[in-house]
Structures are given as structure tokens and as C-alpha cells.
PDB file of N, CA and C in Angstrom:
ATOM      1  N   MET A   1     239.094 137.739  13.923  1.00  0.00           N
ATOM      2  CA  MET A   1     238.354 137.953  12.646  1.00  0.00           C
ATOM      3  C   MET A   1     239.157 137.941  11.451  1.00  0.00           C
ATOM      4  N   LYS A   2     240.516 138.649  11.517  1.00  0.00           N
ATOM      5  CA  LYS A   2     241.494 138.743  10.313  1.00  0.00           C
ATOM      6  C   LYS A   2     241.871 137.417   9.969  1.00  0.00           C
ATOM      7  N   LYS A   3     242.171 136.476  11.047  1.00  0.00           N
ATOM      8  CA  LYS A   3     242.693 135.213  11.010  1.00  0.00           C
ATOM      9  C   LYS A   3     241.591 134.133  10.291  1.00  0.00           C
ATOM     10  N   LYS A   4     240.328 134.369  10.624  1.00  0.00           N
ATOM     11  CA  LYS A   4     239.159 133.817   9.987  1.00  0.00           C
ATOM     12  C   LYS A   4     238.920 133.993   8.450  1.00  0.00           C
ATOM     13  N   LEU A   5     238.949 135.593   8.260  1.00  0.00           N
ATOM     14  CA  LEU A   5     239.080 135.879   6.915  1.00  0.00           C
ATOM     15  C   LEU A   5     239.987 135.062   6.017  1.00  0.00           C
ATOM     16  N   ILE A   6     241.251 135.181   6.559  1.00  0.00           N
ATOM     17  CA  ILE A   6     242.638 134.645   5.870  1.00  0.00           C
ATOM     18  C   ILE A   6     242.150 132.961   5.461  1.00  0.00           C
ATOM     19  N   ASN A   7     241.674 132.303   6.479  1.00  0.00           N
ATOM     20  CA  ASN A   7     241.499 130.900   6.382  1.00  0.00           C
ATOM     21  C   ASN A   7     240.380 130.853   5.420  1.00  0.00           C
ATOM     22  N   ILE A   8     239.135 131.757   5.460  1.00  0.00           N
ATOM     23  CA  ILE A   8     238.228 131.392   4.400  1.00  0.00           C
ATOM     24  C   ILE A   8     238.870 131.535   3.201  1.00  0.00           C
ATOM     25  N   SER A   9     239.485 132.516   3.022  1.00  0.00           N
ATOM     26  CA  SER A   9     240.143 133.128   1.560  1.00  0.00           C
ATOM     27  C   SER A   9     241.148 131.879   1.120  1.00  0.00           C
ATOM     28  N   CYS A  10     241.899 131.171   2.004  1.00  0.00           N
ATOM     29  CA  CYS A  10     242.688 130.301   1.528  1.00  0.00           C
ATOM     30  C   CYS A  10     242.021 129.055   1.308  1.00  0.00           C
ATOM     31  N   CYS A  11     240.938 128.719   1.973  1.00  0.00           N
ATOM     32  CA  CYS A  11     240.016 127.545   1.472  1.00  0.00           C
ATOM     33  C   CYS A  11     239.312 127.577   0.147  1.00  0.00           C
ATOM     34  N   ILE A  12     239.178 129.160  -0.051  1.00  0.00           N
ATOM     35  CA  ILE A  12     238.096 129.308  -1.328  1.00  0.00           C
ATOM     36  C   ILE A  12     239.344 129.090  -2.541  1.00  0.00           C
ATOM     37  N   PHE A  13     240.513 129.828  -2.362  1.00  0.00           N
ATOM     38  CA  PHE A  13     241.596 129.640  -3.189  1.00  0.00           C
ATOM     39  C   PHE A  13     242.113 128.277  -3.532  1.00  0.00           C
ATOM     40  N   LEU A  14     242.201 127.537  -2.664  1.00  0.00           N
ATOM     41  CA  LEU A  14     242.638 125.925  -2.841  1.00  0.00           C
ATOM     42  C   LEU A  14     241.295 125.363  -3.491  1.00  0.00           C
ATOM     43  N   SER A  15     240.374 125.444  -3.106  1.00  0.00           N
ATOM     44  CA  SER A  15     239.274 124.823  -3.736  1.00  0.00           C
ATOM     45  C   SER A  15     239.029 125.123  -5.377  1.00  0.00           C
ATOM     46  N   ILE A  16     239.351 126.331  -5.576  1.00  0.00           N
ATOM     47  CA  ILE A  16     239.495 126.685  -7.181  1.00  0.00           C
ATOM     48  C   ILE A  16     240.512 126.188  -7.852  1.00  0.00           C
ATOM     49  N   ILE A  17     241.705 126.248  -7.137  1.00  0.00           N
ATOM     50  CA  ILE A  17     243.048 125.592  -7.621  1.00  0.00           C
ATOM     51  C   ILE A  17     242.954 124.072  -7.901  1.00  0.00           C
ATOM     52  N   ILE A  18     242.504 123.222  -6.870  1.00  0.00           N
ATOM     53  CA  ILE A  18     242.799 121.815  -6.898  1.00  0.00           C
ATOM     54  C   ILE A  18     241.358 121.171  -7.348  1.00  0.00           C
ATOM     55  N   SER A  19     240.152 121.788  -7.501  1.00  0.00           N
ATOM     56  CA  SER A  19     238.873 121.262  -7.605  1.00  0.00           C
ATOM     57  C   SER A  19     238.801 120.481  -8.995  1.00  0.00           C
ATOM     58  N   PRO A  20     238.441 119.140  -8.898  1.00  0.00           N
ATOM     59  CA  PRO A  20     238.298 118.408  -9.975  1.00  0.00           C
ATOM     60  C   PRO A  20     237.058 118.897 -10.892  1.00  0.00           C
ATOM     61  N   GLN A  21     236.357 119.618 -10.265  1.00  0.00           N
ATOM     62  CA  GLN A  21     234.981 119.873 -11.062  1.00  0.00           C
ATOM     63  C   GLN A  21     235.423 120.934 -12.111  1.00  0.00           C
ATOM     64  N   VAL A  22     236.436 121.762 -11.895  1.00  0.00           N
ATOM     65  CA  VAL A  22     236.834 122.584 -13.011  1.00  0.00           C
ATOM     66  C   VAL A  22     237.118 121.851 -14.388  1.00  0.00           C
ATOM     67  N   ILE A  23     238.008 120.753 -14.112  1.00  0.00           N
ATOM     68  CA  ILE A  23     238.580 120.027 -14.976  1.00  0.00           C
ATOM     69  C   ILE A  23     237.423 119.300 -15.813  1.00  0.00           C
ATOM     70  N   LYS A  24     236.584 118.673 -14.719  1.00  0.00           N
ATOM     71  CA  LYS A  24     235.531 117.817 -15.272  1.00  0.00           C
ATOM     72  C   LYS A  24     234.562 118.405 -16.195  1.00  0.00           C
ATOM     73  N   ALA A  25     234.265 119.816 -15.758  1.00  0.00           N
ATOM     74  CA  ALA A  25     233.235 120.517 -16.652  1.00  0.00           C
ATOM     75  C   ALA A  25     233.713 120.623 -18.006  1.00  0.00           C
ATOM     76  N   ASP A  26     235.010 120.972 -18.278  1.00  0.00           N
ATOM     77  CA  ASP A  26     235.736 121.094 -19.592  1.00  0.00           C
ATOM     78  C   ASP A  26     235.565 119.699 -20.202  1.00  0.00           C
ATOM     79  N   ASP A  27     235.960 118.685 -19.619  1.00  0.00           N
ATOM     80  CA  ASP A  27     235.877 117.309 -20.315  1.00  0.00           C
ATOM     81  C   ASP A  27     234.533 116.859 -20.445  1.00  0.00           C
ATOM     82  N   LEU A  28     233.605 117.106 -19.682  1.00  0.00           N
ATOM     83  CA  LEU A  28     232.143 117.088 -19.647  1.00  0.00           C
ATOM     84  C   LEU A  28     231.607 117.718 -21.020  1.00  0.00           C
ATOM     85  N   PHE A  29     231.955 118.965 -21.272  1.00  0.00           N
ATOM     86  CA  PHE A  29     231.514 119.881 -22.406  1.00  0.00           C
ATOM     87  C   PHE A  29     232.344 118.962 -23.683  1.00  0.00           C
ATOM     88  N   ASP A  30     233.325 118.657 -23.724  1.00  0.00           N
ATOM     89  CA  ASP A  30     234.076 118.015 -24.837  1.00  0.00           C
ATOM     90  C   ASP A  30     233.688 116.850 -25.266  1.00  0.00           C
ATOM     91  N   LEU A  31     233.255 116.039 -24.187  1.00  0.00           N
ATOM     92  CA  LEU A  31     232.696 114.698 -24.295  1.00  0.00           C
ATOM     93  C   LEU A  31     231.245 114.868 -25.013  1.00  0.00           C
ATOM     94  N   GLY A  32     230.407 115.728 -24.526  1.00  0.00           N
ATOM     95  CA  GLY A  32     229.289 116.037 -24.985  1.00  0.00           C
ATOM     96  C   GLY A  32     229.242 116.495 -26.614  1.00  0.00           C
ATOM     97  N   LYS A  33     230.466 117.265 -26.917  1.00  0.00           N
ATOM     98  CA  LYS A  33     230.435 117.861 -28.303  1.00  0.00           C
ATOM     99  C   LYS A  33     230.672 116.747 -29.228  1.00  0.00           C
ATOM    100  N   LYS A  34     231.490 115.684 -28.608  1.00  0.00           N
ATOM    101  CA  LYS A  34     231.926 114.736 -29.455  1.00  0.00           C
ATOM    102  C   LYS A  34     230.646 113.737 -29.719  1.00  0.00           C
ATOM    103  N   ILE A  35     229.960 113.567 -28.672  1.00  0.00           N
ATOM    104  CA  ILE A  35     228.629 112.652 -28.653  1.00  0.00           C
ATOM    105  C   ILE A  35     227.766 113.472 -29.811  1.00  0.00           C
ATOM    106  N   PHE A  36     227.379 114.665 -29.448  1.00  0.00           N
ATOM    107  CA  PHE A  36     226.776 115.279 -30.481  1.00  0.00           C
ATOM    108  C   PHE A  36     226.907 115.178 -31.934  1.00  0.00           C
ATOM    109  N   LEU A  37     228.314 115.268 -32.291  1.00  0.00           N
ATOM    110  CA  LEU A  37     228.750 115.219 -33.462  1.00  0.00           C
ATOM    111  C   LEU A  37     228.935 113.809 -33.995  1.00  0.00           C
ATOM    112  N   GLU A  38     229.283 112.593 -33.257  1.00  0.00           N
ATOM    113  CA  GLU A  38     229.300 111.523 -33.443  1.00  0.00           C
ATOM    114  C   GLU A  38     228.296 110.281 -33.293  1.00  0.00           C
ATOM    115  N   LYS A  39     228.569 109.734 -32.000  1.00  0.00           N
ATOM    116  CA  LYS A  39     227.877 108.979 -31.533  1.00  0.00           C
ATOM    117  C   LYS A  39     226.196 109.132 -31.332  1.00  0.00           C
ATOM    118  N   GLY A  40     225.857 110.159 -31.381  1.00  0.00           N
ATOM    119  CA  GLY A  40     224.673 110.624 -30.959  1.00  0.00           C
ATOM    120  C   GLY A  40     223.904 110.938 -32.268  1.00  0.00           C
ATOM    121  N   ASN A  41     224.811 111.454 -33.314  1.00  0.00           N
ATOM    122  CA  ASN A  41     224.580 111.834 -34.530  1.00  0.00           C
ATOM    123  C   ASN A  41     223.578 113.048 -34.416  1.00  0.00           C
ATOM    124  N   CYS A  42     223.443 113.685 -33.666  1.00  0.00           N
ATOM    125  CA  CYS A  42     222.681 114.974 -33.326  1.00  0.00           C
ATOM    126  C   CYS A  42     222.710 116.004 -34.524  1.00  0.00           C
ATOM    127  N   ALA A  43     224.066 116.071 -34.833  1.00  0.00           N
ATOM    128  CA  ALA A  43     224.185 117.278 -35.899  1.00  0.00           C
ATOM    129  C   ALA A  43     223.469 116.984 -37.442  1.00  0.00           C
ATOM    130  N   THR A  44     223.079 115.692 -37.614  1.00  0.00           N
ATOM    131  CA  THR A  44     222.214 115.408 -38.543  1.00  0.00           C
ATOM    132  C   THR A  44     220.868 116.165 -38.986  1.00  0.00           C
ATOM    133  N   CYS A  45     220.455 116.229 -37.524  1.00  0.00           N
ATOM    134  CA  CYS A  45     218.864 116.951 -37.474  1.00  0.00           C
ATOM    135  C   CYS A  45     219.021 118.009 -36.866  1.00  0.00           C
ATOM    136  N   HIS A  46     219.734 118.634 -36.126  1.00  0.00           N
ATOM    137  CA  HIS A  46     219.828 120.061 -35.587  1.00  0.00           C
ATOM    138  C   HIS A  46     220.993 121.015 -35.932  1.00  0.00           C
ATOM    139  N   THR A  47     220.433 122.140 -35.906  1.00  0.00           N
ATOM    140  CA  THR A  47     221.416 123.474 -36.056  1.00  0.00           C
ATOM    141  C   THR A  47     221.970 123.812 -34.787  1.00  0.00           C
ATOM    142  N   LEU A  48     223.021 123.719 -34.608  1.00  0.00           N
ATOM    143  CA  LEU A  48     223.747 124.177 -33.400  1.00  0.00           C
ATOM    144  C   LEU A  48     225.097 124.744 -33.807  1.00  0.00           C
ATOM    145  N   ASN A  49     225.213 126.260 -33.909  1.00  0.00           N
ATOM    146  CA  ASN A  49     226.343 126.745 -34.130  1.00  0.00           C
ATOM    147  C   ASN A  49     227.700 126.441 -33.702  1.00  0.00           C
ATOM    148  N   ASP A  50     227.949 126.053 -32.350  1.00  0.00           N
ATOM    149  CA  ASP A  50     229.142 125.643 -31.799  1.00  0.00           C
ATOM    150  C   ASP A  50     229.363 124.509 -32.655  1.00  0.00           C
ATOM    151  N   ALA A  51     228.548 123.445 -33.018  1.00  0.00           N
ATOM    152  CA  ALA A  51     229.010 122.333 -33.698  1.00  0.00           C
ATOM    153  C   ALA A  51     229.084 122.403 -35.103  1.00  0.00           C
ATOM    154  N   ASN A  52     228.983 123.578 -35.607  1.00  0.00           N
ATOM    155  CA  ASN A  52     228.827 123.732 -36.974  1.00  0.00           C
ATOM    156  C   ASN A  52     228.003 123.040 -37.781  1.00  0.00           C
ATOM    157  N   SER A  53     226.905 122.717 -37.175  1.00  0.00           N
ATOM    158  CA  SER A  53     225.803 121.560 -37.903  1.00  0.00           C
ATOM    159  C   SER A  53     224.681 122.533 -38.160  1.00  0.00           C
ATOM    160  N   TYR A  54     223.830 122.302 -39.109  1.00  0.00           N
ATOM    161  CA  TYR A  54     222.832 122.992 -39.850  1.00  0.00           C
ATOM    162  C   TYR A  54     221.707 122.197 -40.358  1.00  0.00           C
ATOM    163  N   GLY A  55     221.497 121.222 -39.479  1.00  0.00           N
ATOM    164  CA  GLY A  55     220.292 120.268 -39.906  1.00  0.00           C
ATOM    165  C   GLY A  55     218.753 120.887 -39.601  1.00  0.00           C
ATOM    166  N   ASN A  56     217.958 120.552 -40.249  1.00  0.00           N
ATOM    167  CA  ASN A  56     216.474 121.112 -40.351  1.00  0.00           C
ATOM    168  C   ASN A  56     215.473 120.108 -39.926  1.00  0.00           C
ATOM    169  N   ILE A  57     215.580 118.865 -39.429  1.00  0.00           N
ATOM    170  CA  ILE A  57     214.767 118.187 -39.262  1.00  0.00           C
ATOM    171  C   ILE A  57     214.338 118.369 -37.799  1.00  0.00           C
ATOM    172  N   GLY A  58     215.179 118.553 -37.039  1.00  0.00           N
ATOM    173  CA  GLY A  58     214.789 118.825 -35.463  1.00  0.00           C
ATOM    174  C   GLY A  58     214.758 120.326 -35.315  1.00  0.00           C
ATOM    175  N   PRO A  59     214.486 120.688 -34.010  1.00  0.00           N
ATOM    176  CA  PRO A  59     214.429 122.236 -33.901  1.00  0.00           C
ATOM    177  C   PRO A  59     215.822 123.012 -33.932  1.00  0.00           C
ATOM    178  N   ASN A  60     215.931 123.881 -34.294  1.00  0.00           N
ATOM    179  CA  ASN A  60     217.288 124.897 -34.155  1.00  0.00           C
ATOM    180  C   ASN A  60     217.534 125.104 -32.704  1.00  0.00           C
ATOM    181  N   LEU A  61     218.617 124.420 -32.228  1.00  0.00           N
ATOM    182  CA  LEU A  61     218.944 124.387 -30.795  1.00  0.00           C
ATOM    183  C   LEU A  61     219.475 125.718 -30.334  1.00  0.00           C
ATOM    184  N   ASP A  62     219.955 126.569 -31.155  1.00  0.00           N
ATOM    185  CA  ASP A  62     220.276 128.045 -30.921  1.00  0.00           C
ATOM    186  C   ASP A  62     219.378 128.799 -30.602  1.00  0.00           C
ATOM    187  N   GLU A  63     217.999 128.618 -31.221  1.00  0.00           N
ATOM    188  CA  GLU A  63     216.921 129.497 -31.207  1.00  0.00           C
ATOM    189  C   GLU A  63     215.980 129.054 -30.041  1.00  0.00           C
ATOM    190  N   ILE A  64     215.946 127.847 -29.798  1.00  0.00           N
ATOM    191  CA  ILE A  64     215.016 127.362 -28.600  1.00  0.00           C
ATOM    192  C   ILE A  64     215.925 127.500 -27.204  1.00  0.00           C
ATOM    193  N   LYS A  65     217.329 127.212 -27.374  1.00  0.00           N
ATOM    194  CA  LYS A  65     217.889 127.539 -25.972  1.00  0.00           C
ATOM    195  C   LYS A  65     217.449 126.472 -24.918  1.00  0.00           C
ATOM    196  N   PRO A  66     217.608 125.273 -24.954  1.00  0.00           N
ATOM    197  CA  PRO A  66     216.915 124.208 -24.130  1.00  0.00           C
ATOM    198  C   PRO A  66     217.873 124.206 -22.971  1.00  0.00           C
ATOM    199  N   ASP A  67     217.193 124.009 -21.681  1.00  0.00           N
ATOM    200  CA  ASP A  67     217.843 123.833 -20.576  1.00  0.00           C
ATOM    201  C   ASP A  67     218.281 122.272 -20.471  1.00  0.00           C
ATOM    202  N   ILE A  68     219.200 122.024 -19.438  1.00  0.00           N
ATOM    203  CA  ILE A  68     219.877 120.818 -19.260  1.00  0.00           C
ATOM    204  C   ILE A  68     218.637 119.798 -19.130  1.00  0.00           C
ATOM    205  N   MET A  69     217.469 119.876 -18.280  1.00  0.00           N
ATOM    206  CA  MET A  69     216.505 119.010 -17.972  1.00  0.00           C
ATOM    207  C   MET A  69     215.670 118.892 -19.224  1.00  0.00           C
ATOM    208  N   ARG A  70     215.653 119.687 -20.294  1.00  0.00           N
ATOM    209  CA  ARG A  70     214.645 119.457 -21.523  1.00  0.00           C
ATOM    210  C   ARG A  70     215.383 118.681 -22.046  1.00  0.00           C
ATOM    211  N   ILE A  71     216.736 118.752 -22.244  1.00  0.00           N
ATOM    212  CA  ILE A  71     217.604 117.869 -23.196  1.00  0.00           C
ATOM    213  C   ILE A  71     217.628 116.648 -22.715  1.00  0.00           C
ATOM    214  N   VAL A  72     217.919 116.413 -21.445  1.00  0.00           N
ATOM    215  CA  VAL A  72     217.858 114.834 -21.034  1.00  0.00           C
ATOM    216  C   VAL A  72     216.519 114.153 -20.979  1.00  0.00           C
ATOM    217  N   LEU A  73     215.580 114.834 -20.942  1.00  0.00           N
ATOM    218  CA  LEU A  73     213.970 114.187 -21.382  1.00  0.00           C
ATOM    219  C   LEU A  73     214.235 113.771 -22.681  1.00  0.00           C
ATOM    220  N   ALA A  74     214.444 114.716 -23.565  1.00  0.00           N
ATOM    221  CA  ALA A  74     214.217 114.795 -24.969  1.00  0.00           C
ATOM    222  C   ALA A  74     215.097 113.440 -25.532  1.00  0.00           C
ATOM    223  N   VAL A  75     216.432 113.394 -24.896  1.00  0.00           N
ATOM    224  CA  VAL A  75     217.294 112.448 -25.588  1.00  0.00           C
ATOM    225  C   VAL A  75     216.861 111.203 -25.143  1.00  0.00           C
ATOM    226  N   THR A  76     216.722 111.048 -23.690  1.00  0.00           N
ATOM    227  CA  THR A  76     216.360 109.796 -22.916  1.00  0.00           C
ATOM    228  C   THR A  76     215.053 109.128 -23.616  1.00  0.00           C
ATOM    229  N   ASN A  77     214.132 110.004 -23.642  1.00  0.00           N
ATOM    230  CA  ASN A  77     212.677 109.353 -24.069  1.00  0.00           C
ATOM    231  C   ASN A  77     212.366 109.623 -25.585  1.00  0.00           C
ATOM    232  N   GLY A  78     213.148 110.550 -26.309  1.00  0.00           N
ATOM    233  CA  GLY A  78     212.649 110.920 -27.588  1.00  0.00           C
ATOM    234  C   GLY A  78     211.596 111.742 -27.581  1.00  0.00           C
ATOM    235  N   ILE A  79     211.172 112.350 -28.549  1.00  0.00           N
ATOM    236  CA  ILE A  79     210.357 113.424 -28.851  1.00  0.00           C
ATOM    237  C   ILE A  79     209.841 113.700 -30.255  1.00  0.00           C
ATOM    238  N   GLY A  80     208.563 113.784 -30.676  1.00  0.00           N
ATOM    239  CA  GLY A  80     208.283 113.716 -31.962  1.00  0.00           C
ATOM    240  C   GLY A  80     208.952 112.824 -32.960  1.00  0.00           C
ATOM    241  N   VAL A  81     209.913 113.254 -34.021  1.00  0.00           N
ATOM    242  CA  VAL A  81     210.136 112.238 -34.720  1.00  0.00           C
ATOM    243  C   VAL A  81     211.697 111.813 -34.218  1.00  0.00           C
ATOM    244  N   MET A  82     212.253 112.546 -33.238  1.00  0.00           N
ATOM    245  CA  MET A  82     213.401 112.167 -32.738  1.00  0.00           C
ATOM    246  C   MET A  82     213.277 110.829 -31.594  1.00  0.00           C
ATOM    247  N   PRO A  83     214.275 109.763 -31.891  1.00  0.00           N
ATOM    248  CA  PRO A  83     214.162 108.337 -31.283  1.00  0.00           C
ATOM    249  C   PRO A  83     214.700 108.650 -29.890  1.00  0.00           C
ATOM    250  N   ALA A  84     214.410 107.738 -29.045  1.00  0.00           N
ATOM    251  CA  ALA A  84     214.898 107.909 -27.814  1.00  0.00           C
ATOM    252  C   ALA A  84     216.267 106.900 -27.772  1.00  0.00           C
ATOM    253  N   TYR A  85     217.238 107.864 -26.748  1.00  0.00           N
ATOM    254  CA  TYR A  85     218.661 107.183 -26.933  1.00  0.00           C
ATOM    255  C   TYR A  85     218.981 106.382 -25.631  1.00  0.00           C
ATOM    256  N   GLU A  86     217.957 106.182 -24.705  1.00  0.00           N
ATOM    257  CA  GLU A  86     218.047 105.321 -23.565  1.00  0.00           C
ATOM    258  C   GLU A  86     218.287 104.100 -23.983  1.00  0.00           C
ATOM    259  N   GLY A  87     219.538 103.724 -23.587  1.00  0.00           N
ATOM    260  CA  GLY A  87     219.862 102.270 -23.903  1.00  0.00           C
ATOM    261  C   GLY A  87     221.071 102.408 -25.079  1.00  0.00           C
ATOM    262  N   GLU A  88     220.945 103.376 -25.895  1.00  0.00           N
ATOM    263  CA  GLU A  88     222.027 103.595 -26.853  1.00  0.00           C
ATOM    264  C   GLU A  88     223.187 104.383 -26.310  1.00  0.00           C
ATOM    265  N   LEU A  89     222.696 105.359 -25.642  1.00  0.00           N
ATOM    266  CA  LEU A  89     223.712 106.111 -24.973  1.00  0.00           C
ATOM    267  C   LEU A  89     223.599 105.767 -23.526  1.00  0.00           C
ATOM    268  N   SER A  90     224.869 105.891 -22.795  1.00  0.00           N
ATOM    269  CA  SER A  90     224.778 105.873 -21.314  1.00  0.00           C
ATOM    270  C   SER A  90     224.259 107.009 -20.459  1.00  0.00           C
ATOM    271  N   ASN A  91     223.640 107.063 -19.260  1.00  0.00           N
ATOM    272  CA  ASN A  91     223.323 108.255 -18.648  1.00  0.00           C
ATOM    273  C   ASN A  91     224.247 109.211 -18.436  1.00  0.00           C
ATOM    274  N   ALA A  92     225.574 108.699 -18.509  1.00  0.00           N
ATOM    275  CA  ALA A  92     226.792 109.685 -18.327  1.00  0.00           C
ATOM    276  C   ALA A  92     226.788 110.628 -19.854  1.00  0.00           C
ATOM    277  N   GLU A  93     226.624 109.756 -20.673  1.00  0.00           N
ATOM    278  CA  GLU A  93     226.718 110.331 -22.292  1.00  0.00           C
ATOM    279  C   GLU A  93     225.479 111.319 -22.446  1.00  0.00           C
ATOM    280  N   ILE A  94     224.255 110.935 -21.888  1.00  0.00           N
ATOM    281  CA  ILE A  94     223.170 111.836 -22.011  1.00  0.00           C
ATOM    282  C   ILE A  94     223.496 113.282 -21.340  1.00  0.00           C
ATOM    283  N   LYS A  95     223.941 112.967 -20.107  1.00  0.00           N
ATOM    284  CA  LYS A  95     224.364 114.051 -19.380  1.00  0.00           C
ATOM    285  C   LYS A  95     225.299 115.020 -20.008  1.00  0.00           C
ATOM    286  N   ALA A  96     226.332 114.493 -20.667  1.00  0.00           N
ATOM    287  CA  ALA A  96     227.349 115.095 -21.246  1.00  0.00           C
ATOM    288  C   ALA A  96     226.868 115.666 -22.388  1.00  0.00           C
ATOM    289  N   VAL A  97     225.928 115.394 -23.331  1.00  0.00           N
ATOM    290  CA  VAL A  97     225.623 115.969 -24.543  1.00  0.00           C
ATOM    291  C   VAL A  97     224.390 116.888 -24.044  1.00  0.00           C
ATOM    292  N   ALA A  98     223.841 116.876 -23.001  1.00  0.00           N
ATOM    293  CA  ALA A  98     222.809 117.910 -22.599  1.00  0.00           C
ATOM    294  C   ALA A  98     223.735 118.996 -22.155  1.00  0.00           C
ATOM    295  N   THR A  99     224.382 118.861 -21.347  1.00  0.00           N
ATOM    296  CA  THR A  99     225.666 119.798 -20.671  1.00  0.00           C
ATOM    297  C   THR A  99     226.122 120.791 -21.920  1.00  0.00           C
ATOM    298  N   TYR A 100     226.529 119.909 -23.050  1.00  0.00           N
ATOM    299  CA  TYR A 100     227.281 120.716 -24.191  1.00  0.00           C
ATOM    300  C   TYR A 100     226.091 121.476 -24.678  1.00  0.00           C
ATOM    301  N   VAL A 101     225.183 120.977 -24.952  1.00  0.00           N
ATOM    302  CA  VAL A 101     223.779 121.781 -25.736  1.00  0.00           C
ATOM    303  C   VAL A 101     223.633 122.987 -24.887  1.00  0.00           C
ATOM    304  N   ALA A 102     223.472 122.687 -23.516  1.00  0.00           N
ATOM    305  CA  ALA A 102     222.725 123.896 -22.931  1.00  0.00           C
ATOM    306  C   ALA A 102     223.968 124.881 -22.876  1.00  0.00           C
ATOM    307  N   GLN A 103     225.118 124.454 -22.616  1.00  0.00           N
ATOM    308  CA  GLN A 103     226.053 125.533 -22.363  1.00  0.00           C
ATOM    309  C   GLN A 103     226.470 126.161 -23.803  1.00  0.00           C
ATOM    310  N   SER A 104     225.977 125.754 -24.846  1.00  0.00           N
ATOM    311  CA  SER A 104     226.587 126.077 -26.169  1.00  0.00           C
ATOM    312  C   SER A 104     225.544 127.303 -26.593  1.00  0.00           C
ATOM    313  N   THR A 105     224.139 126.928 -26.163  1.00  0.00           N
ATOM    314  CA  THR A 105     222.984 127.986 -26.334  1.00  0.00           C
ATOM    315  C   THR A 105     222.773 128.760 -25.439  1.00  0.00           C
ATOM    316  N   ASN A 106     223.315 128.744 -24.449  1.00  0.00           N
ATOM    317  CA  ASN A 106     222.993 129.752 -23.312  1.00  0.00           C
ATOM    318  C   ASN A 106     224.027 130.596 -22.842  1.00  0.00           C
TER     319      ASN A 106
END
């Protein structure tokens, strides 16, 4: 039993230390912020404290705290006066900006 616990502990420790997801999560967040501020031009219309943006055309993202799926759908298909970004942003870029907004607001 003691040996099994040591093995499990070692596996958990190693997965935390060498996991590419830890690095990938930070990179995804950073890429999402860059897209929000630059390529997606989201800051023009939306308020988001983390991005230091204070647009008032679209909803205040800090107030509505959208989840990732809601953001992916809105960015992909557009909503209200917001245009669809499908074709302008890749699926990976949409996922990155959705991750950034969701993590910044929740």
C-alpha cells in the first residue's frame, strides 16, 4: 500500500512538473489577450479591465462574465452588431480569445 501511494504521488508530481498544459495554458491566455487587443480588435467595442479597454458598443465583459462556449459562439457567428469572425480568425485563435476573456472575467 505504501509503495502504491509513493508511485501515485510520483506520477502526480511528474505530471505537474513536465505537463505541457501548464505552459500551454499561459501561452493560450497570452495569445488570447493579444488577439483581443490587436487582430480581433475586441477592445474597441468591449470593456474588459484586464485588457484596459473601455468600449461601450458591445457588452461590458467584466459584468456579464461569459463562459468559454458563449464567447466561442459569439465570436464565431457574431451576435447583434458584432460581426462573425469565422474565417477571419482561426478556430485556435477563437479558442484563445475565448479562454482569455473567460479567465479574465471569472
